[in-house]
């Protein structure tokens, strides 16, 4: 495997801090921060496995910070915490069977699903403005269990769009946008821990870069989650649609050019 030697000069540190803050600011609310942080690490010369592993270190800290912020504001329900182990197990299983399906097939499927999610959300103008659920009934609980495990599996298997799919799932269950974002972040954090453990065991993490970016992501996650909590659906909804659209563009670009 290709190795990498870290360089901690002023400009590299500044770049890691700026990229980490911006990516976590966005990711703390609707996911998709990897659209910024992973290319940033790749631009510094990290081989792909090291970029992905290093990003998981930073992103996990940012996600944990977001979970704490949403939880303290009462925007994460108890059901989300009980579903976290299923996301973790699904992610671990997904990482284990990662080579069973061709990557190009996965990209095609994900583009279709992301387009469907974006269109459905856009057409329902007032969707997620207010919560329409208090407690999960049996049918909704079974749906939530299936969602947690399935999307966790997808996160470990492939990954792009995980945050968008989780938010969509919680919206469909009847939560408002901000609560859906908080619940989604809790499950996303759980599924990300499994992947982080795998990267750590394989030795494909540049810890110095990851820790610097993690510190910036903690600050970015605090700022982003607080803004989302204060502004509500009027802020989260358009950001969600923007990030989902960018994810669609990224997947289409990779399908056409690779």
Protein backbone atom coordinates (compact mmCIF):
# COMPACT_ATOMS: atom_id res chain seq x y z
CA UNK A 1 0.00 0.00 0.00
CA UNK A 2 1.20 3.50 -0.82
CA UNK A 3 2.49 5.41 2.22
CA UNK A 4 2.31 9.09 3.10
CA UNK A 5 4.52 11.40 5.17
CA UNK A 6 2.70 14.30 6.84
CA UNK A 7 3.99 17.86 6.51
CA UNK A 8 2.83 20.26 9.22
CA UNK A 9 3.88 23.64 7.87
CA UNK A 10 1.77 26.74 8.49
CA UNK A 11 -0.16 26.61 5.22
CA UNK A 12 -1.07 22.93 5.58
CA UNK A 13 -2.34 23.49 9.12
CA UNK A 14 -4.33 26.57 8.05
CA UNK A 15 -5.82 24.65 5.11
CA UNK A 16 -6.87 21.75 7.36
CA UNK A 17 -8.51 24.14 9.83
CA UNK A 18 -10.46 26.06 7.18
CA UNK A 19 -11.58 22.93 5.30
CA UNK A 20 -12.52 21.19 8.54
CA UNK A 21 -14.60 24.10 9.84
CA UNK A 22 -16.55 24.60 6.60
CA UNK A 23 -17.23 20.90 6.07
CA UNK A 24 -18.40 20.39 9.67
CA UNK A 25 -20.58 23.51 9.56
CA UNK A 26 -22.55 21.94 6.70
CA UNK A 27 -22.28 18.33 7.84
CA UNK A 28 -23.56 19.12 11.34
CA UNK A 29 -27.00 19.85 9.90
CA UNK A 30 -27.65 17.85 6.74
CA UNK A 31 -24.54 15.75 6.14
CA UNK A 32 -22.44 15.97 2.99
CA UNK A 33 -19.39 17.48 4.70
CA UNK A 34 -17.26 14.82 3.04
CA UNK A 35 -17.82 16.68 -0.24
CA UNK A 36 -15.39 19.27 1.17
CA UNK A 37 -13.13 17.48 3.64
CA UNK A 38 -12.22 14.40 1.58
CA UNK A 39 -11.21 16.33 -1.60
CA UNK A 40 -9.27 18.72 0.67
CA UNK A 41 -7.23 15.85 2.08
CA UNK A 42 -6.72 14.35 -1.39
CA UNK A 43 -5.44 17.72 -2.64
CA UNK A 44 -2.71 17.53 0.02
CA UNK A 45 -1.36 14.40 -1.63
CA UNK A 46 -2.87 11.74 0.62
CA UNK A 47 -3.53 8.39 -1.09
CA UNK A 48 -7.26 7.58 -1.21
CA UNK A 49 -7.27 5.08 1.72
CA UNK A 50 -5.40 7.58 3.93
CA UNK A 51 -7.70 10.44 2.92
CA UNK A 52 -10.79 8.38 3.78
CA UNK A 53 -9.35 7.12 7.06
CA UNK A 54 -8.07 10.54 8.16
CA UNK A 55 -11.41 12.12 7.27
CA UNK A 56 -13.24 9.57 9.45
CA UNK A 57 -11.18 10.63 12.49
CA UNK A 58 -12.13 14.29 12.03
CA UNK A 59 -15.70 13.64 10.89
CA UNK A 60 -16.41 11.37 13.88
CA UNK A 61 -15.44 14.14 16.29
CA UNK A 62 -17.56 16.65 14.38
CA UNK A 63 -20.51 14.25 14.36
CA UNK A 64 -20.21 13.61 18.10
CA UNK A 65 -20.22 17.37 18.74
CA UNK A 66 -23.36 17.76 16.60
CA UNK A 67 -25.09 14.93 18.45
CA UNK A 68 -24.35 16.60 21.80
CA UNK A 69 -25.61 19.99 20.55
CA UNK A 70 -28.86 18.59 19.13
CA UNK A 71 -29.41 16.41 22.20
CA UNK A 72 -28.96 19.32 24.62
CA UNK A 73 -31.52 21.30 22.58
CA UNK A 74 -34.00 18.42 22.82
CA UNK A 75 -33.81 17.72 19.08
CA UNK A 76 -32.84 14.05 19.34
CA UNK A 77 -35.48 11.59 20.50
CA UNK A 78 -34.80 8.54 22.68
CA UNK A 79 -35.76 6.29 19.79
CA UNK A 80 -32.73 7.52 17.83
CA UNK A 81 -30.35 6.45 20.61
CA UNK A 82 -31.91 2.99 20.76
CA UNK A 83 -31.45 2.67 16.99
CA UNK A 84 -27.75 3.58 17.06
CA UNK A 85 -26.49 0.00 17.70
CA UNK A 86 -28.37 -1.15 14.60
CA UNK A 87 -26.63 1.52 12.51
CA UNK A 88 -23.29 0.40 13.92
CA UNK A 89 -23.96 -3.27 13.16
CA UNK A 90 -25.27 -2.45 9.69
CA UNK A 91 -22.18 -0.38 8.94
CA UNK A 92 -19.84 -3.12 10.14
CA UNK A 93 -21.62 -5.68 7.95
CA UNK A 94 -21.59 -3.29 4.99
CA UNK A 95 -17.84 -2.79 5.33
CA UNK A 96 -17.40 -6.57 5.45
CA UNK A 97 -19.23 -7.22 2.16
CA UNK A 98 -18.00 -4.08 0.38
CA UNK A 99 -16.70 -5.99 -2.64
CA UNK A 100 -19.84 -8.00 -3.43
CA UNK A 101 -21.44 -5.41 -5.75
CA UNK A 102 -19.73 -3.36 -8.50
CA UNK A 103 -19.11 0.27 -7.49
CA UNK A 104 -20.56 1.57 -10.77
CA UNK A 105 -23.85 -0.25 -10.13
CA UNK A 106 -24.03 1.34 -6.69
CA UNK A 107 -23.41 4.81 -8.16
CA UNK A 108 -26.27 4.35 -10.65
CA UNK A 109 -28.68 3.21 -7.94
CA UNK A 110 -27.73 6.05 -5.60
CA UNK A 111 -28.25 8.73 -8.29
CA UNK A 112 -31.80 7.46 -8.88
CA UNK A 113 -32.56 7.37 -5.15
CA UNK A 114 -31.10 10.82 -4.47
CA UNK A 115 -33.08 12.34 -7.36
CA UNK A 116 -36.27 10.75 -6.01
CA UNK A 117 -35.54 12.09 -2.50
CA UNK A 118 -34.85 15.61 -3.81
CA UNK A 119 -37.99 15.73 -6.00
CA UNK A 120 -40.24 14.39 -3.23
CA UNK A 121 -38.85 16.88 -0.70
CA UNK A 122 -39.07 19.81 -3.12
CA UNK A 123 -42.68 19.07 -4.11
CA UNK A 124 -43.85 18.92 -0.48
CA UNK A 125 -43.29 22.57 0.36
CA UNK A 126 -44.35 22.45 4.01
CA UNK A 127 -42.88 19.01 4.73
CA UNK A 128 -40.84 19.05 7.94
CA UNK A 129 -42.04 22.45 9.13
CA UNK A 130 -43.70 20.86 12.16
CA UNK A 131 -43.49 17.49 13.84
CA UNK A 132 -46.55 15.27 13.41
CA UNK A 133 -45.36 12.43 15.66
CA UNK A 134 -45.00 12.06 19.41
CA UNK A 135 -44.08 8.42 19.84
CA UNK A 136 -43.29 5.68 17.34
CA UNK A 137 -46.10 3.17 16.92
CA UNK A 138 -45.32 -0.45 16.13
CA UNK A 139 -45.39 0.02 12.35
CA UNK A 140 -43.28 3.17 12.50
CA UNK A 141 -40.86 1.50 14.93
CA UNK A 142 -40.36 -1.44 12.59
CA UNK A 143 -39.77 1.02 9.75
CA UNK A 144 -37.23 2.92 11.87
CA UNK A 145 -35.41 -0.32 12.75
CA UNK A 146 -35.21 -1.30 9.08
CA UNK A 147 -34.02 2.21 8.16
CA UNK A 148 -31.30 2.28 10.82
CA UNK A 149 -29.85 -1.08 9.83
CA UNK A 150 -30.22 -0.67 6.06
CA UNK A 151 -28.77 2.85 5.82
CA UNK A 152 -26.07 1.88 8.31
CA UNK A 153 -25.20 -1.03 6.01
CA UNK A 154 -25.10 1.37 3.07
CA UNK A 155 -22.83 3.77 4.96
CA UNK A 156 -20.32 1.00 5.64
CA UNK A 157 -20.66 -0.37 2.12
CA UNK A 158 -20.55 2.81 0.03
CA UNK A 159 -21.45 5.99 1.91
CA UNK A 160 -22.35 9.05 -0.24
CA UNK A 161 -25.76 10.46 0.63
CA UNK A 162 -26.11 8.68 3.98
CA UNK A 163 -27.11 11.89 5.78
CA UNK A 164 -29.69 12.75 3.11
CA UNK A 165 -31.27 9.31 3.29
CA UNK A 166 -31.42 9.33 7.09
CA UNK A 167 -33.03 12.78 7.22
CA UNK A 168 -35.55 11.73 4.56
CA UNK A 169 -36.36 8.63 6.60
CA UNK A 170 -37.03 10.59 9.79
CA UNK A 171 -39.08 13.17 7.87
CA UNK A 172 -41.16 10.33 6.46
CA UNK A 173 -41.77 9.09 10.01
CA UNK A 174 -43.24 12.51 10.85
CA UNK A 175 -40.44 14.50 12.49
CA UNK A 176 -39.73 18.14 11.68
CA UNK A 177 -36.57 19.04 9.74
CA UNK A 178 -34.42 20.03 12.73
CA UNK A 179 -35.36 16.96 14.79
CA UNK A 180 -34.88 14.75 11.72
CA UNK A 181 -31.42 16.26 11.26
CA UNK A 182 -30.52 15.63 14.92
CA UNK A 183 -31.77 12.03 14.85
CA UNK A 184 -29.98 11.43 11.56
CA UNK A 185 -26.72 12.74 12.98
CA UNK A 186 -26.96 10.33 15.92
CA UNK A 187 -27.33 7.33 13.60
CA UNK A 188 -24.71 8.68 11.20
CA UNK A 189 -22.24 8.96 14.09
CA UNK A 190 -22.89 5.35 15.12
CA UNK A 191 -22.40 4.01 11.59
CA UNK A 192 -19.23 6.08 11.18
CA UNK A 193 -17.56 4.58 14.26
CA UNK A 194 -17.47 1.13 12.64
CA UNK A 195 -15.69 2.50 9.59
CA UNK A 196 -13.24 4.44 11.78
CA UNK A 197 -12.32 1.25 13.63
CA UNK A 198 -11.65 -0.50 10.31
CA UNK A 199 -9.39 2.31 9.06
CA UNK A 200 -7.52 2.39 12.38
CA UNK A 201 -6.85 -1.35 12.25
CA UNK A 202 -5.61 -1.09 8.66
CA UNK A 203 -3.23 1.74 9.60
CA UNK A 204 -4.55 4.13 6.92
CA UNK A 205 -4.91 7.22 9.10
CA UNK A 206 -2.63 10.27 9.24
CA UNK A 207 -3.31 11.09 12.88
CA UNK A 208 -1.65 14.52 12.92
CA UNK A 209 -3.86 15.74 10.06
CA UNK A 210 -6.92 14.05 11.50
CA UNK A 211 -6.54 15.61 14.95
CA UNK A 212 -6.00 19.12 13.55
CA UNK A 213 -9.01 18.82 11.28
CA UNK A 214 -11.04 17.29 14.12
CA UNK A 215 -10.46 20.35 16.33
CA UNK A 216 -11.70 22.60 13.51
CA UNK A 217 -14.67 20.32 12.90
CA UNK A 218 -15.70 20.49 16.55
CA UNK A 219 -15.95 24.29 16.29
CA UNK A 220 -17.70 24.08 12.90
CA UNK A 221 -20.19 21.52 14.22
CA UNK A 222 -21.04 23.69 17.23
CA UNK A 223 -21.67 26.74 15.02
CA UNK A 224 -23.60 24.80 12.36
CA UNK A 225 -25.86 22.87 14.71
CA UNK A 226 -26.65 25.97 16.80
CA UNK A 227 -27.62 27.91 13.68
CA UNK A 228 -29.86 25.05 12.53
CA UNK A 229 -31.56 24.88 15.92
CA UNK A 230 -32.14 28.65 15.97
CA UNK A 231 -33.32 29.05 12.35
CA UNK A 232 -35.34 25.85 12.07
CA UNK A 233 -36.78 24.38 8.87
CA UNK A 234 -36.43 27.63 6.91
CA UNK A 235 -32.65 27.14 7.08
CA UNK A 236 -32.35 23.35 7.12
CA UNK A 237 -34.70 22.58 4.22
CA UNK A 238 -32.90 24.61 1.48
CA UNK A 239 -29.50 23.46 2.76
CA UNK A 240 -30.71 19.86 2.63
CA UNK A 241 -31.88 20.27 -0.96
CA UNK A 242 -28.61 22.01 -1.93
CA UNK A 243 -26.39 19.27 -0.47
CA UNK A 244 -28.55 16.53 -2.00
CA UNK A 245 -28.26 18.23 -5.40
CA UNK A 246 -24.48 18.48 -5.03
CA UNK A 247 -24.33 14.77 -4.16
CA UNK A 248 -26.34 13.98 -7.28
CA UNK A 249 -23.93 16.08 -9.38
CA UNK A 250 -20.90 14.35 -7.85
CA UNK A 251 -22.25 10.88 -8.55
CA UNK A 252 -23.26 11.76 -12.14
CA UNK A 253 -19.83 13.29 -12.74
CA UNK A 254 -18.09 10.13 -11.52
CA UNK A 255 -20.36 7.88 -13.60
CA UNK A 256 -19.69 9.83 -16.81
CA UNK A 257 -15.95 10.28 -16.36
CA UNK A 258 -14.83 7.04 -14.70
